[in-house]
Amino acid sequence: MQQRRLGPGQLPVSAIGFGCMGLSQGYGPADDEQSVATIHTALDHGITLIDTAMSYGSGHNEELVGRALAGRRDQAVVATKFGIVRGPNGPRLDGRPENVRTHCEASLKRLGVESIDLYYLHRVDPEVTLADTVGAMAELVTAGKVSHLGISEANPDQLRQAVAVHPITTVQFEWSLLWREPEDDVVPVARSLGVGLVPYSPLGRGMLTETRPPSSFAPGDFRGADPRFGAEHREQNLAQVDALRTIAEEKGISVGQLALAWLIAQGPDVVPIPGTRRAARVVDNAGAGDLTLDASDRRRIEDLVPRSGWGGDRTSFAAHGVVRNSS
């Protein structure tokens, strides 16, 4: 597994991370014992960056990660997030500085760790001055509760504002062959600021894998609201995946491995965090950490699977279900 160092603090992580959200929400019911075993498989195969959040399953995900890391804390770089609070009226944003320490301490307890390696603001709260939120996060670093700071789904201006208050190690956002818009703004600005790039959904929420997504989804699977999987765009996007499969088969690797290798090849500051519930898929994803695509490989992917060839816009879906207030 390739190793990378992210941000001004040079946080050492594996080239492939593991996103834990799907173990608690978004894709229907999951089995906790299987989930713990899947996290163990990730660690066994050299994946060190384990990504969770207080909002995933309303704390369930952090508790699950805590169980999985018991006795194996030294093998993991623990990343978690605050700022989305789930309640009876649905999720809401909370970036109020007076609540940051409380959220952090609750996450520490659920995770069963003494400190968090990478602490993200999950979403910027538009009703709170971002500098105040980041300032409160910086106090956690001073207190030794957190080692590095990150921000998720921030636009370029927000990223600049955050960096002006405290060094930001990583910015997290959706990025894959299926969704490349961040290349126009967030990616170049983050690089100009020295901020590492952590793409979530790097396999296009399962679109960029060997398994063709169903034409309809079971209750609880949030992809049913994603227009990229809808009837209007599904076949168009699957045709793109078929073209990608042609290249993968020639190289003797899976479609998912090729999609992850493409992201890794975008630069040494990129660490995708694919998620899965299946140990076998974790092993496949980890294998991408040893792959190298040269310039000719990348040009061929660009030619056969062009950015303009995908259909569906995730913009409206990205904030699906989040109430934008902190009250």
C-alpha atoms as a PDB file:
ATOM      1  CA  MET A   1       0.000   0.000   0.000  1.00  0.00           C
ATOM      2  CA  GLN A   2       1.379   3.394  -0.986  1.00  0.00           C
ATOM      3  CA  GLN A   3       1.717   5.897   1.850  1.00  0.00           C
ATOM      4  CA  ARG A   4       0.942   9.605   1.619  1.00  0.00           C
ATOM      5  CA  ARG A   5       1.352  12.701   3.780  1.00  0.00           C
ATOM      6  CA  LEU A   6      -1.414  15.261   3.780  1.00  0.00           C
ATOM      7  CA  GLY A   7      -1.541  18.952   4.510  1.00  0.00           C
ATOM      8  CA  PRO A   8       0.884  21.308   6.216  1.00  0.00           C
ATOM      9  CA  GLY A   9       1.106  18.927   9.175  1.00  0.00           C
ATOM     10  CA  GLN A  10       2.115  16.048   6.881  1.00  0.00           C
ATOM     11  CA  LEU A  11      -0.450  13.622   8.332  1.00  0.00           C
ATOM     12  CA  PRO A  12       0.738  10.112   7.326  1.00  0.00           C
ATOM     13  CA  VAL A  13      -2.003   7.903   5.849  1.00  0.00           C
ATOM     14  CA  SER A  14      -2.444   5.028   3.441  1.00  0.00           C
ATOM     15  CA  ALA A  15      -3.199   5.959  -0.180  1.00  0.00           C
ATOM     16  CA  ILE A  16      -6.646   4.372   0.205  1.00  0.00           C
ATOM     17  CA  GLY A  17      -8.818   5.074   3.233  1.00  0.00           C
ATOM     18  CA  PHE A  18     -12.070   3.547   4.436  1.00  0.00           C
ATOM     19  CA  GLY A  19     -15.348   5.496   4.607  1.00  0.00           C
ATOM     20  CA  CYS A  20     -17.632   4.077   7.288  1.00  0.00           C
ATOM     21  CA  MET A  21     -20.930   5.907   6.659  1.00  0.00           C
ATOM     22  CA  GLY A  22     -22.597   3.011   4.842  1.00  0.00           C
ATOM     23  CA  LEU A  23     -22.131   0.766   7.866  1.00  0.00           C
ATOM     24  CA  SER A  24     -24.781   2.806   9.702  1.00  0.00           C
ATOM     25  CA  GLN A  25     -26.926   4.655   7.167  1.00  0.00           C
ATOM     26  CA  GLY A  26     -27.655   5.418   3.561  1.00  0.00           C
ATOM     27  CA  TYR A  27     -27.808   1.909   2.130  1.00  0.00           C
ATOM     28  CA  GLY A  28     -30.431   0.156   4.233  1.00  0.00           C
ATOM     29  CA  PRO A  29     -29.971  -2.106   7.284  1.00  0.00           C
ATOM     30  CA  ALA A  30     -26.482  -3.341   8.121  1.00  0.00           C
ATOM     31  CA  ASP A  31     -25.059  -6.030  10.420  1.00  0.00           C
ATOM     32  CA  ASP A  32     -22.794  -4.711  13.189  1.00  0.00           C
ATOM     33  CA  GLU A  33     -20.690  -7.848  13.516  1.00  0.00           C
ATOM     34  CA  GLN A  34     -20.101  -7.923   9.791  1.00  0.00           C
ATOM     35  CA  SER A  35     -19.256  -4.219   9.877  1.00  0.00           C
ATOM     36  CA  VAL A  36     -16.632  -4.672  12.595  1.00  0.00           C
ATOM     37  CA  ALA A  37     -15.124  -7.545  10.617  1.00  0.00           C
ATOM     38  CA  THR A  38     -15.025  -5.347   7.512  1.00  0.00           C
ATOM     39  CA  ILE A  39     -13.132  -2.593   9.362  1.00  0.00           C
ATOM     40  CA  HIS A  40     -10.715  -5.232  10.638  1.00  0.00           C
ATOM     41  CA  THR A  41     -10.179  -6.393   7.051  1.00  0.00           C
ATOM     42  CA  ALA A  42      -9.346  -2.813   6.057  1.00  0.00           C
ATOM     43  CA  LEU A  43      -6.715  -2.598   8.803  1.00  0.00           C
ATOM     44  CA  ASP A  44      -5.354  -6.035   7.892  1.00  0.00           C
ATOM     45  CA  HIS A  45      -4.765  -4.859   4.315  1.00  0.00           C
ATOM     46  CA  GLY A  46      -2.856  -1.709   5.199  1.00  0.00           C
ATOM     47  CA  ILE A  47      -5.689   0.830   5.164  1.00  0.00           C
ATOM     48  CA  THR A  48      -5.038   3.274   7.997  1.00  0.00           C
ATOM     49  CA  LEU A  49      -7.417   6.216   7.432  1.00  0.00           C
ATOM     50  CA  ILE A  50     -10.753   5.293   9.023  1.00  0.00           C
ATOM     51  CA  ASP A  51     -13.409   7.955   8.386  1.00  0.00           C
ATOM     52  CA  THR A  52     -16.613   8.369  10.385  1.00  0.00           C
ATOM     53  CA  ALA A  53     -18.855  11.182  11.732  1.00  0.00           C
ATOM     54  CA  MET A  54     -21.054  11.962  14.706  1.00  0.00           C
ATOM     55  CA  SER A  55     -24.067  12.174  12.391  1.00  0.00           C
ATOM     56  CA  TYR A  56     -23.705   8.719  10.839  1.00  0.00           C
ATOM     57  CA  GLY A  57     -26.431   6.701  12.482  1.00  0.00           C
ATOM     58  CA  SER A  58     -26.713   9.412  15.174  1.00  0.00           C
ATOM     59  CA  GLY A  59     -23.521   8.241  16.868  1.00  0.00           C
ATOM     60  CA  HIS A  60     -23.872   4.562  16.035  1.00  0.00           C
ATOM     61  CA  ASN A  61     -21.074   4.703  13.476  1.00  0.00           C
ATOM     62  CA  GLU A  62     -18.534   6.170  15.882  1.00  0.00           C
ATOM     63  CA  GLU A  63     -19.425   3.519  18.455  1.00  0.00           C
ATOM     64  CA  LEU A  64     -19.007   0.856  15.781  1.00  0.00           C
ATOM     65  CA  VAL A  65     -15.582   2.217  14.820  1.00  0.00           C
ATOM     66  CA  GLY A  66     -14.650   2.304  18.503  1.00  0.00           C
ATOM     67  CA  ARG A  67     -15.502  -1.385  18.831  1.00  0.00           C
ATOM     68  CA  ALA A  68     -13.476  -2.235  15.751  1.00  0.00           C
ATOM     69  CA  LEU A  69     -10.423  -0.268  16.927  1.00  0.00           C
ATOM     70  CA  ALA A  70     -10.354  -1.723  20.435  1.00  0.00           C
ATOM     71  CA  GLY A  71      -6.858  -3.135  20.799  1.00  0.00           C
ATOM     72  CA  ARG A  72      -5.879  -1.816  17.351  1.00  0.00           C
ATOM     73  CA  ARG A  73      -5.867   1.943  17.900  1.00  0.00           C
ATOM     74  CA  ASP A  74      -2.228   2.264  16.844  1.00  0.00           C
ATOM     75  CA  GLN A  75      -3.049   0.908  13.375  1.00  0.00           C
ATOM     76  CA  ALA A  76      -5.568   3.618  12.530  1.00  0.00           C
ATOM     77  CA  VAL A  77      -5.692   7.302  11.716  1.00  0.00           C
ATOM     78  CA  VAL A  78      -9.108   8.195  13.112  1.00  0.00           C
ATOM     79  CA  ALA A  79     -11.063  10.887  11.285  1.00  0.00           C
ATOM     80  CA  THR A  80     -14.474  12.036  12.421  1.00  0.00           C
ATOM     81  CA  LYS A  81     -16.733  15.025  11.831  1.00  0.00           C
ATOM     82  CA  PHE A  82     -19.143  17.291  13.670  1.00  0.00           C
ATOM     83  CA  GLY A  83     -21.672  19.844  12.491  1.00  0.00           C
ATOM     84  CA  ILE A  84     -24.640  17.741  11.388  1.00  0.00           C
ATOM     85  CA  VAL A  85     -26.970  16.852  14.246  1.00  0.00           C
ATOM     86  CA  ARG A  86     -29.711  14.286  13.718  1.00  0.00           C
ATOM     87  CA  GLY A  87     -32.919  14.715  15.680  1.00  0.00           C
ATOM     88  CA  PRO A  88     -36.651  13.920  15.558  1.00  0.00           C
ATOM     89  CA  ASN A  89     -37.195  16.670  12.970  1.00  0.00           C
ATOM     90  CA  GLY A  90     -34.364  15.497  10.755  1.00  0.00           C
ATOM     91  CA  PRO A  91     -30.721  16.564  10.479  1.00  0.00           C
ATOM     92  CA  ARG A  92     -29.701  20.158  11.145  1.00  0.00           C
ATOM     93  CA  LEU A  93     -26.449  22.076  10.980  1.00  0.00           C
ATOM     94  CA  ASP A  94     -24.618  23.189  14.107  1.00  0.00           C
ATOM     95  CA  GLY A  95     -21.309  24.989  13.780  1.00  0.00           C
ATOM     96  CA  ARG A  96     -21.765  27.167  16.843  1.00  0.00           C
ATOM     97  CA  PRO A  97     -18.390  27.601  18.543  1.00  0.00           C
ATOM     98  CA  GLU A  98     -19.807  27.113  22.032  1.00  0.00           C
ATOM     99  CA  ASN A  99     -20.887  23.587  21.039  1.00  0.00           C
ATOM    100  CA  VAL A 100     -17.685  22.407  19.336  1.00  0.00           C
ATOM    101  CA  ARG A 101     -15.968  21.056  22.461  1.00  0.00           C
ATOM    102  CA  THR A 102     -19.135  19.256  23.572  1.00  0.00           C
ATOM    103  CA  HIS A 103     -19.463  17.555  20.185  1.00  0.00           C
ATOM    104  CA  CYS A 104     -15.794  16.571  20.265  1.00  0.00           C
ATOM    105  CA  GLU A 105     -15.930  15.109  23.750  1.00  0.00           C
ATOM    106  CA  ALA A 106     -19.018  13.082  22.837  1.00  0.00           C
ATOM    107  CA  SER A 107     -17.198  11.709  19.791  1.00  0.00           C
ATOM    108  CA  LEU A 108     -14.132  10.829  21.884  1.00  0.00           C
ATOM    109  CA  LYS A 109     -16.342   8.872  24.262  1.00  0.00           C
ATOM    110  CA  ARG A 110     -18.164   6.998  21.498  1.00  0.00           C
ATOM    111  CA  LEU A 111     -14.889   6.199  19.730  1.00  0.00           C
ATOM    112  CA  GLY A 112     -13.201   5.152  22.958  1.00  0.00           C
ATOM    113  CA  VAL A 113     -10.037   7.108  22.130  1.00  0.00           C
ATOM    114  CA  GLU A 114      -8.063   9.773  23.954  1.00  0.00           C
ATOM    115  CA  SER A 115      -7.602  11.959  20.890  1.00  0.00           C
ATOM    116  CA  ILE A 116      -8.900  12.324  17.340  1.00  0.00           C
ATOM    117  CA  ASP A 117      -6.299  12.373  14.588  1.00  0.00           C
ATOM    118  CA  LEU A 118      -8.339  14.377  12.072  1.00  0.00           C
ATOM    119  CA  TYR A 119     -11.395  16.415  13.081  1.00  0.00           C
ATOM    120  CA  TYR A 120     -13.653  17.828  10.362  1.00  0.00           C
ATOM    121  CA  LEU A 121     -16.366  20.421  10.244  1.00  0.00           C
ATOM    122  CA  HIS A 122     -18.895  18.278   8.377  1.00  0.00           C
ATOM    123  CA  ARG A 123     -20.769  21.147   6.756  1.00  0.00           C
ATOM    124  CA  VAL A 124     -20.388  24.897   7.091  1.00  0.00           C
ATOM    125  CA  ASP A 125     -23.233  26.390   9.123  1.00  0.00           C
ATOM    126  CA  PRO A 126     -24.389  29.482   7.176  1.00  0.00           C
ATOM    127  CA  GLU A 127     -25.722  31.079  10.343  1.00  0.00           C
ATOM    128  CA  VAL A 128     -22.341  31.031  12.087  1.00  0.00           C
ATOM    129  CA  THR A 129     -19.167  32.909  11.189  1.00  0.00           C
ATOM    130  CA  LEU A 130     -16.833  30.204   9.878  1.00  0.00           C
ATOM    131  CA  ALA A 131     -13.788  31.782  11.506  1.00  0.00           C
ATOM    132  CA  ASP A 132     -15.476  31.389  14.896  1.00  0.00           C
ATOM    133  CA  THR A 133     -16.163  27.701  14.298  1.00  0.00           C
ATOM    134  CA  VAL A 134     -12.602  27.014  13.152  1.00  0.00           C
ATOM    135  CA  GLY A 135     -11.273  29.031  16.059  1.00  0.00           C
ATOM    136  CA  ALA A 136     -13.123  26.746  18.469  1.00  0.00           C
ATOM    137  CA  MET A 137     -11.744  23.727  16.608  1.00  0.00           C
ATOM    138  CA  ALA A 138      -8.222  25.135  16.968  1.00  0.00           C
ATOM    139  CA  GLU A 139      -8.720  25.240  20.736  1.00  0.00           C
ATOM    140  CA  LEU A 140      -9.197  21.457  20.615  1.00  0.00           C
ATOM    141  CA  VAL A 141      -5.761  21.114  19.034  1.00  0.00           C
ATOM    142  CA  THR A 142      -4.243  23.234  21.798  1.00  0.00           C
ATOM    143  CA  ALA A 143      -6.031  21.070  24.387  1.00  0.00           C
ATOM    144  CA  GLY A 144      -4.629  17.875  22.847  1.00  0.00           C
ATOM    145  CA  LYS A 145      -8.049  16.461  22.007  1.00  0.00           C
ATOM    146  CA  VAL A 146      -7.440  16.732  18.250  1.00  0.00           C
ATOM    147  CA  SER A 147      -4.256  16.541  16.166  1.00  0.00           C
ATOM    148  CA  HIS A 148      -5.321  17.869  12.740  1.00  0.00           C
ATOM    149  CA  LEU A 149      -8.269  19.868  11.399  1.00  0.00           C
ATOM    150  CA  GLY A 150     -10.298  19.331   8.243  1.00  0.00           C
ATOM    151  CA  ILE A 151     -13.370  20.722   6.538  1.00  0.00           C
ATOM    152  CA  SER A 152     -15.941  18.923   4.406  1.00  0.00           C
ATOM    153  CA  GLU A 153     -17.930  20.204   1.416  1.00  0.00           C
ATOM    154  CA  ALA A 154     -16.424  23.694   1.638  1.00  0.00           C
ATOM    155  CA  ASN A 155     -16.306  26.016  -1.326  1.00  0.00           C
ATOM    156  CA  PRO A 156     -13.044  27.815  -2.228  1.00  0.00           C
ATOM    157  CA  ASP A 157     -13.864  30.978  -0.272  1.00  0.00           C
ATOM    158  CA  GLN A 158     -14.780  28.969   2.817  1.00  0.00           C
ATOM    159  CA  LEU A 159     -11.576  26.991   2.510  1.00  0.00           C
ATOM    160  CA  ARG A 160      -9.557  30.205   2.377  1.00  0.00           C
ATOM    161  CA  GLN A 161     -11.398  31.530   5.437  1.00  0.00           C
ATOM    162  CA  ALA A 162     -10.680  28.366   7.399  1.00  0.00           C
ATOM    163  CA  VAL A 163      -6.975  28.304   6.510  1.00  0.00           C
ATOM    164  CA  ALA A 164      -6.652  31.930   7.617  1.00  0.00           C
ATOM    165  CA  VAL A 165      -7.605  30.860  11.162  1.00  0.00           C
ATOM    166  CA  HIS A 166      -5.699  27.573  11.540  1.00  0.00           C
ATOM    167  CA  PRO A 167      -3.825  25.146   9.269  1.00  0.00           C
ATOM    168  CA  ILE A 168      -6.269  22.827   7.531  1.00  0.00           C
ATOM    169  CA  THR A 169      -4.906  19.373   6.801  1.00  0.00           C
ATOM    170  CA  THR A 170      -7.607  18.091   4.446  1.00  0.00           C
ATOM    171  CA  VAL A 171     -10.768  19.032   2.621  1.00  0.00           C
ATOM    172  CA  GLN A 172     -13.305  16.288   1.970  1.00  0.00           C
ATOM    173  CA  PHE A 173     -15.697  16.333  -0.982  1.00  0.00           C
ATOM    174  CA  GLU A 174     -17.272  14.037  -3.561  1.00  0.00           C
ATOM    175  CA  TRP A 175     -14.888  13.329  -6.435  1.00  0.00           C
ATOM    176  CA  SER A 176     -14.723  10.447  -8.863  1.00  0.00           C
ATOM    177  CA  LEU A 177     -14.796   9.722 -12.567  1.00  0.00           C
ATOM    178  CA  LEU A 178     -18.578  10.091 -12.205  1.00  0.00           C
ATOM    179  CA  TRP A 179     -18.384  13.555 -10.570  1.00  0.00           C
ATOM    180  CA  ARG A 180     -15.489  15.797 -11.601  1.00  0.00           C
ATOM    181  CA  GLU A 181     -16.755  19.335 -11.018  1.00  0.00           C
ATOM    182  CA  PRO A 182     -14.434  19.888  -8.001  1.00  0.00           C
ATOM    183  CA  GLU A 183     -11.521  19.892 -10.444  1.00  0.00           C
ATOM    184  CA  ASP A 184     -12.679  23.348 -11.542  1.00  0.00           C
ATOM    185  CA  ASP A 185     -12.557  25.067  -8.158  1.00  0.00           C
ATOM    186  CA  VAL A 186     -11.984  23.190  -4.895  1.00  0.00           C
ATOM    187  CA  VAL A 187      -9.046  21.087  -6.094  1.00  0.00           C
ATOM    188  CA  PRO A 188      -6.868  23.928  -7.433  1.00  0.00           C
ATOM    189  CA  VAL A 189      -7.609  26.229  -4.498  1.00  0.00           C
ATOM    190  CA  ALA A 190      -6.887  23.485  -1.956  1.00  0.00           C
ATOM    191  CA  ARG A 191      -3.587  22.773  -3.674  1.00  0.00           C
ATOM    192  CA  SER A 192      -2.634  26.438  -3.670  1.00  0.00           C
ATOM    193  CA  LEU A 193      -3.184  26.398   0.096  1.00  0.00           C
ATOM    194  CA  GLY A 194      -1.366  23.101   0.687  1.00  0.00           C
ATOM    195  CA  VAL A 195      -4.533  21.310   1.822  1.00  0.00           C
ATOM    196  CA  GLY A 196      -4.809  17.552   1.226  1.00  0.00           C
ATOM    197  CA  LEU A 197      -7.688  16.127  -0.833  1.00  0.00           C
ATOM    198  CA  VAL A 198      -9.935  13.365   0.536  1.00  0.00           C
ATOM    199  CA  PRO A 199     -12.568  12.321  -2.018  1.00  0.00           C
ATOM    200  CA  TYR A 200     -15.613  10.516  -0.662  1.00  0.00           C
ATOM    201  CA  SER A 201     -17.841   8.345  -2.875  1.00  0.00           C
ATOM    202  CA  PRO A 202     -14.807   7.730  -5.131  1.00  0.00           C
ATOM    203  CA  LEU A 203     -16.621   4.760  -6.653  1.00  0.00           C
ATOM    204  CA  GLY A 204     -19.636   6.849  -7.574  1.00  0.00           C
ATOM    205  CA  ARG A 205     -21.808   5.363  -4.802  1.00  0.00           C
ATOM    206  CA  GLY A 206     -21.313   1.934  -6.384  1.00  0.00           C
ATOM    207  CA  MET A 207     -21.739   2.981 -10.003  1.00  0.00           C
ATOM    208  CA  LEU A 208     -18.017   2.495 -10.718  1.00  0.00           C
ATOM    209  CA  THR A 209     -17.781  -1.156  -9.675  1.00  0.00           C
ATOM    210  CA  GLU A 210     -18.194  -4.622 -11.149  1.00  0.00           C
ATOM    211  CA  THR A 211     -21.778  -4.828  -9.876  1.00  0.00           C
ATOM    212  CA  ARG A 212     -24.390  -3.016 -11.949  1.00  0.00           C
ATOM    213  CA  PRO A 213     -26.704  -0.987  -9.716  1.00  0.00           C
ATOM    214  CA  PRO A 214     -30.349  -2.066  -9.658  1.00  0.00           C
ATOM    215  CA  SER A 215     -32.964  -0.193 -11.635  1.00  0.00           C
ATOM    216  CA  SER A 216     -34.720   0.596  -8.341  1.00  0.00           C
ATOM    217  CA  PHE A 217     -33.466   0.699  -4.772  1.00  0.00           C
ATOM    218  CA  ALA A 218     -34.777  -0.799  -1.549  1.00  0.00           C
ATOM    219  CA  PRO A 219     -36.230   1.461   1.161  1.00  0.00           C
ATOM    220  CA  GLY A 220     -33.470   3.176   3.110  1.00  0.00           C
ATOM    221  CA  ASP A 221     -31.054   3.305   0.172  1.00  0.00           C
ATOM    222  CA  PHE A 222     -30.498   7.000  -0.519  1.00  0.00           C
ATOM    223  CA  ARG A 223     -29.355   6.379  -4.088  1.00  0.00           C
ATOM    224  CA  GLY A 224     -33.029   6.277  -4.986  1.00  0.00           C
ATOM    225  CA  ALA A 225     -32.955  10.094  -4.764  1.00  0.00           C
ATOM    226  CA  ASP A 226     -29.740  10.473  -6.779  1.00  0.00           C
ATOM    227  CA  PRO A 227     -30.531  11.536 -10.374  1.00  0.00           C
ATOM    228  CA  ARG A 228     -27.390   9.831 -11.653  1.00  0.00           C
ATOM    229  CA  PHE A 229     -29.035   6.483 -10.895  1.00  0.00           C
ATOM    230  CA  GLY A 230     -32.465   7.502 -12.179  1.00  0.00           C
ATOM    231  CA  ALA A 231     -34.091   6.251 -15.350  1.00  0.00           C
ATOM    232  CA  GLU A 232     -33.149   9.391 -17.266  1.00  0.00           C
ATOM    233  CA  HIS A 233     -29.396   8.899 -16.846  1.00  0.00           C
ATOM    234  CA  ARG A 234     -28.828   5.299 -15.729  1.00  0.00           C
ATOM    235  CA  GLU A 235     -28.125   3.687 -19.098  1.00  0.00           C
ATOM    236  CA  GLN A 236     -25.979   6.599 -20.250  1.00  0.00           C
ATOM    237  CA  ASN A 237     -23.813   6.265 -17.162  1.00  0.00           C
ATOM    238  CA  LEU A 238     -23.605   2.491 -17.365  1.00  0.00           C
ATOM    239  CA  ALA A 239     -22.331   2.828 -20.936  1.00  0.00           C
ATOM    240  CA  GLN A 240     -19.476   4.911 -19.512  1.00  0.00           C
ATOM    241  CA  VAL A 241     -18.791   2.185 -16.954  1.00  0.00           C
ATOM    242  CA  ASP A 242     -18.702  -0.414 -19.731  1.00  0.00           C
ATOM    243  CA  ALA A 243     -16.008   1.623 -21.480  1.00  0.00           C
ATOM    244  CA  LEU A 244     -14.071   1.780 -18.238  1.00  0.00           C
ATOM    245  CA  ARG A 245     -14.472  -1.979 -17.876  1.00  0.00           C
ATOM    246  CA  THR A 246     -12.752  -2.502 -21.216  1.00  0.00           C
ATOM    247  CA  ILE A 247      -9.608  -0.807 -19.894  1.00  0.00           C
ATOM    248  CA  ALA A 248      -9.803  -2.625 -16.558  1.00  0.00           C
ATOM    249  CA  GLU A 249     -10.059  -6.028 -18.220  1.00  0.00           C
ATOM    250  CA  GLU A 250      -7.022  -5.298 -20.373  1.00  0.00           C
ATOM    251  CA  LYS A 251      -5.050  -4.532 -17.212  1.00  0.00           C
ATOM    252  CA  GLY A 252      -6.412  -7.527 -15.325  1.00  0.00           C
ATOM    253  CA  ILE A 253      -7.935  -5.405 -12.577  1.00  0.00           C
ATOM    254  CA  SER A 254     -11.457  -4.557 -11.473  1.00  0.00           C
ATOM    255  CA  VAL A 255     -13.428  -1.496 -12.555  1.00  0.00           C
ATOM    256  CA  GLY A 256     -13.331  -0.238  -8.979  1.00  0.00           C
ATOM    257  CA  GLN A 257      -9.571  -0.597  -8.788  1.00  0.00           C
ATOM    258  CA  LEU A 258      -9.175   1.339 -12.019  1.00  0.00           C
ATOM    259  CA  ALA A 259     -11.473   4.129 -10.784  1.00  0.00           C
ATOM    260  CA  LEU A 260      -9.527   4.406  -7.519  1.00  0.00           C
ATOM    261  CA  ALA A 261      -6.167   4.244  -9.280  1.00  0.00           C
ATOM    262  CA  TRP A 262      -7.309   7.103 -11.522  1.00  0.00           C
ATOM    263  CA  LEU A 263      -7.996   9.249  -8.465  1.00  0.00           C
ATOM    264  CA  ILE A 264      -4.698   8.347  -6.802  1.00  0.00           C
ATOM    265  CA  ALA A 265      -2.930   9.264 -10.038  1.00  0.00           C
ATOM    266  CA  GLN A 266      -4.317  12.810  -9.817  1.00  0.00           C
ATOM    267  CA  GLY A 267      -1.578  13.653  -7.327  1.00  0.00           C
ATOM    268  CA  PRO A 268       0.250  12.625  -4.150  1.00  0.00           C
ATOM    269  CA  ASP A 269      -2.145  14.788  -2.123  1.00  0.00           C
ATOM    270  CA  VAL A 270      -5.201  12.623  -2.955  1.00  0.00           C
ATOM    271  CA  VAL A 271      -6.517   9.899  -0.608  1.00  0.00           C
ATOM    272  CA  PRO A 272      -9.933   8.494  -1.578  1.00  0.00           C
ATOM    273  CA  ILE A 273     -12.092   6.856   1.110  1.00  0.00           C
ATOM    274  CA  PRO A 274     -14.313   4.225  -0.537  1.00  0.00           C
ATOM    275  CA  GLY A 275     -16.874   2.573   1.711  1.00  0.00           C
ATOM    276  CA  THR A 276     -18.350  -0.911   1.591  1.00  0.00           C
ATOM    277  CA  ARG A 277     -19.994  -3.466   3.845  1.00  0.00           C
ATOM    278  CA  ARG A 278     -18.217  -6.413   2.231  1.00  0.00           C
ATOM    279  CA  ALA A 279     -14.774  -7.586   3.286  1.00  0.00           C
ATOM    280  CA  ALA A 280     -14.061  -8.873  -0.227  1.00  0.00           C
ATOM    281  CA  ARG A 281     -14.698  -5.414  -1.656  1.00  0.00           C
ATOM    282  CA  VAL A 282     -12.343  -3.891   0.916  1.00  0.00           C
ATOM    283  CA  VAL A 283      -9.596  -6.236  -0.286  1.00  0.00           C
ATOM    284  CA  ASP A 284     -10.297  -5.213  -3.882  1.00  0.00           C
ATOM    285  CA  ASN A 285     -10.213  -1.517  -2.991  1.00  0.00           C
ATOM    286  CA  ALA A 286      -6.991  -1.892  -1.028  1.00  0.00           C
ATOM    287  CA  GLY A 287      -5.382  -3.454  -4.078  1.00  0.00           C
ATOM    288  CA  ALA A 288      -5.745  -0.145  -5.895  1.00  0.00           C
ATOM    289  CA  GLY A 289      -3.252   1.332  -3.451  1.00  0.00           C
ATOM    290  CA  ASP A 290      -0.467  -0.535  -5.206  1.00  0.00           C
ATOM    291  CA  LEU A 291      -1.464   0.411  -8.759  1.00  0.00           C
ATOM    292  CA  THR A 292       0.169   3.067 -10.911  1.00  0.00           C
ATOM    293  CA  LEU A 293      -1.373   4.656 -13.997  1.00  0.00           C
ATOM    294  CA  ASP A 294       1.011   6.424 -16.340  1.00  0.00           C
ATOM    295  CA  ALA A 295       0.207   9.409 -18.552  1.00  0.00           C
ATOM    296  CA  SER A 296      -0.899   7.218 -21.467  1.00  0.00           C
ATOM    297  CA  ASP A 297      -3.287   5.289 -19.205  1.00  0.00           C
ATOM    298  CA  ARG A 298      -4.843   8.508 -17.982  1.00  0.00           C
ATOM    299  CA  ARG A 299      -5.197   9.874 -21.524  1.00  0.00           C
ATOM    300  CA  ARG A 300      -6.959   6.701 -22.630  1.00  0.00           C
ATOM    301  CA  ILE A 301      -9.411   6.937 -19.753  1.00  0.00           C
ATOM    302  CA  GLU A 302     -10.079  10.562 -20.651  1.00  0.00           C
ATOM    303  CA  ASP A 303     -10.726   9.554 -24.269  1.00  0.00           C
ATOM    304  CA  LEU A 304     -12.967   6.540 -23.606  1.00  0.00           C
ATOM    305  CA  VAL A 305     -14.721   7.837 -20.472  1.00  0.00           C
ATOM    306  CA  PRO A 306     -14.981  11.598 -21.004  1.00  0.00           C
ATOM    307  CA  ARG A 307     -16.159  13.905 -18.275  1.00  0.00           C
ATOM    308  CA  SER A 308     -18.918  15.160 -20.560  1.00  0.00           C
ATOM    309  CA  GLY A 309     -20.245  11.624 -21.030  1.00  0.00           C
ATOM    310  CA  TRP A 310     -21.878  11.341 -17.598  1.00  0.00           C
ATOM    311  CA  GLY A 311     -25.487  12.324 -16.910  1.00  0.00           C
ATOM    312  CA  GLY A 312     -27.172  13.665 -13.772  1.00  0.00           C
ATOM    313  CA  ASP A 313     -26.357  16.449 -11.333  1.00  0.00           C
ATOM    314  CA  ARG A 314     -25.647  15.675  -7.681  1.00  0.00           C
ATOM    315  CA  THR A 315     -25.904  19.322  -6.583  1.00  0.00           C
ATOM    316  CA  SER A 316     -29.478  19.234  -5.288  1.00  0.00           C
ATOM    317  CA  PHE A 317     -28.979  15.749  -3.883  1.00  0.00           C
ATOM    318  CA  ALA A 318     -25.823  16.725  -1.951  1.00  0.00           C
ATOM    319  CA  ALA A 319     -27.717  18.624   0.752  1.00  0.00           C
ATOM    320  CA  HIS A 320     -30.640  16.180   0.733  1.00  0.00           C
ATOM    321  CA  GLY A 321     -32.498  16.226   4.042  1.00  0.00           C
ATOM    322  CA  VAL A 322     -30.297  18.728   5.911  1.00  0.00           C
ATOM    323  CA  VAL A 323     -32.092  21.639   7.520  1.00  0.00           C
ATOM    324  CA  ARG A 324     -29.819  24.660   7.262  1.00  0.00           C
ATOM    325  CA  ASN A 325     -30.113  26.143  10.706  1.00  0.00           C
ATOM    326  CA  SER A 326     -28.406  25.607  14.038  1.00  0.00           C
ATOM    327  CA  SER A 327     -31.303  26.189  16.402  1.00  0.00           C
END
